[in-house]
């Protein structure tokens, strides 16, 4: 498929996903009053909100570690773990909220890493490895969810998919195990992690996904919430559809998918849970990241003024 037709297909797919999601949300919101949603938010327990906030902190700590691991491979000794953690957390917070991750996350990283002399090629490699860890986490979490779901009474098709994905992950770890593997795409060369590092990335990525899923899971009404493994698989699909829609943060598409999975049409408590999740997992980290980036820039200007 040529690049032109690939772009057309991607755009067409995004339009279809957005259109279906918009229609579903319209059906839900048309039968849900704002006063009921606000009442459901007020009724949410402080413990559940604090638990969701804690899970969010764990998730972003893991996301920050992705860049720390990537820097060790791409630019060992050329920047601090603290700067890498700042870059990883702020880049993901901005990408989660603003969307267009390839642009926003790379722009944030370039601004931060350029302060220690890393060029655009190094930043692209760090971004690629960090994104690969994110994908590994998604896939690992999906495999675990499918296997556990099967164990508690899921379908044979889910068992087959879970085993197939698990075998692919094992094959990848074995292939990478000796280390020194490189991936070349045109003139771009990327050093791949060793198998041991890849396994660690899978585990950290799965933990990050579990924390992100738990942040929403704890806010949902108990009478609609399926077992965690079932919900985890649905969450991964919702995130994937949100990314495919190209909407900022998958806004609307993610919510519509979760509502369909839960069967929570016209339920104010479901809409309230999703709204709280957006505030806790998206908007709060984005606001904190914006402040952190502002402080970084002010310190950078101050250091330049002192050295002048």
Foldseek 3Di string as FASTA:
>chain_A
DDPVVVVVVLQVLLVVLLVVLVVLVCQQVVLADPVLLVVLLVVFDPVLLVLLLVLLVLLLQLQLVQLVVQCCFLPNPQDDSVLSSLLRNQLVLQCLFAPPSVPSSLVSQQVSVVVSPDDSLSSVLSVVSSVVLLVLLLLLLLLVLLCVCVVVPDDPVSNVVSVVSVVVLVVVLVVQAVAPDWDDDPPRIHGDGHSVVSVVSNVSSVSSLLSLQSSLQSQADPVQRDPSSVSSNLQSVQQVSLNSNSHRSSPSSSLSSSCVSSVPRNPSSSVSSVVSSCVSNHVVSNVVSVVVVVVVVVVVVVVVVVVD
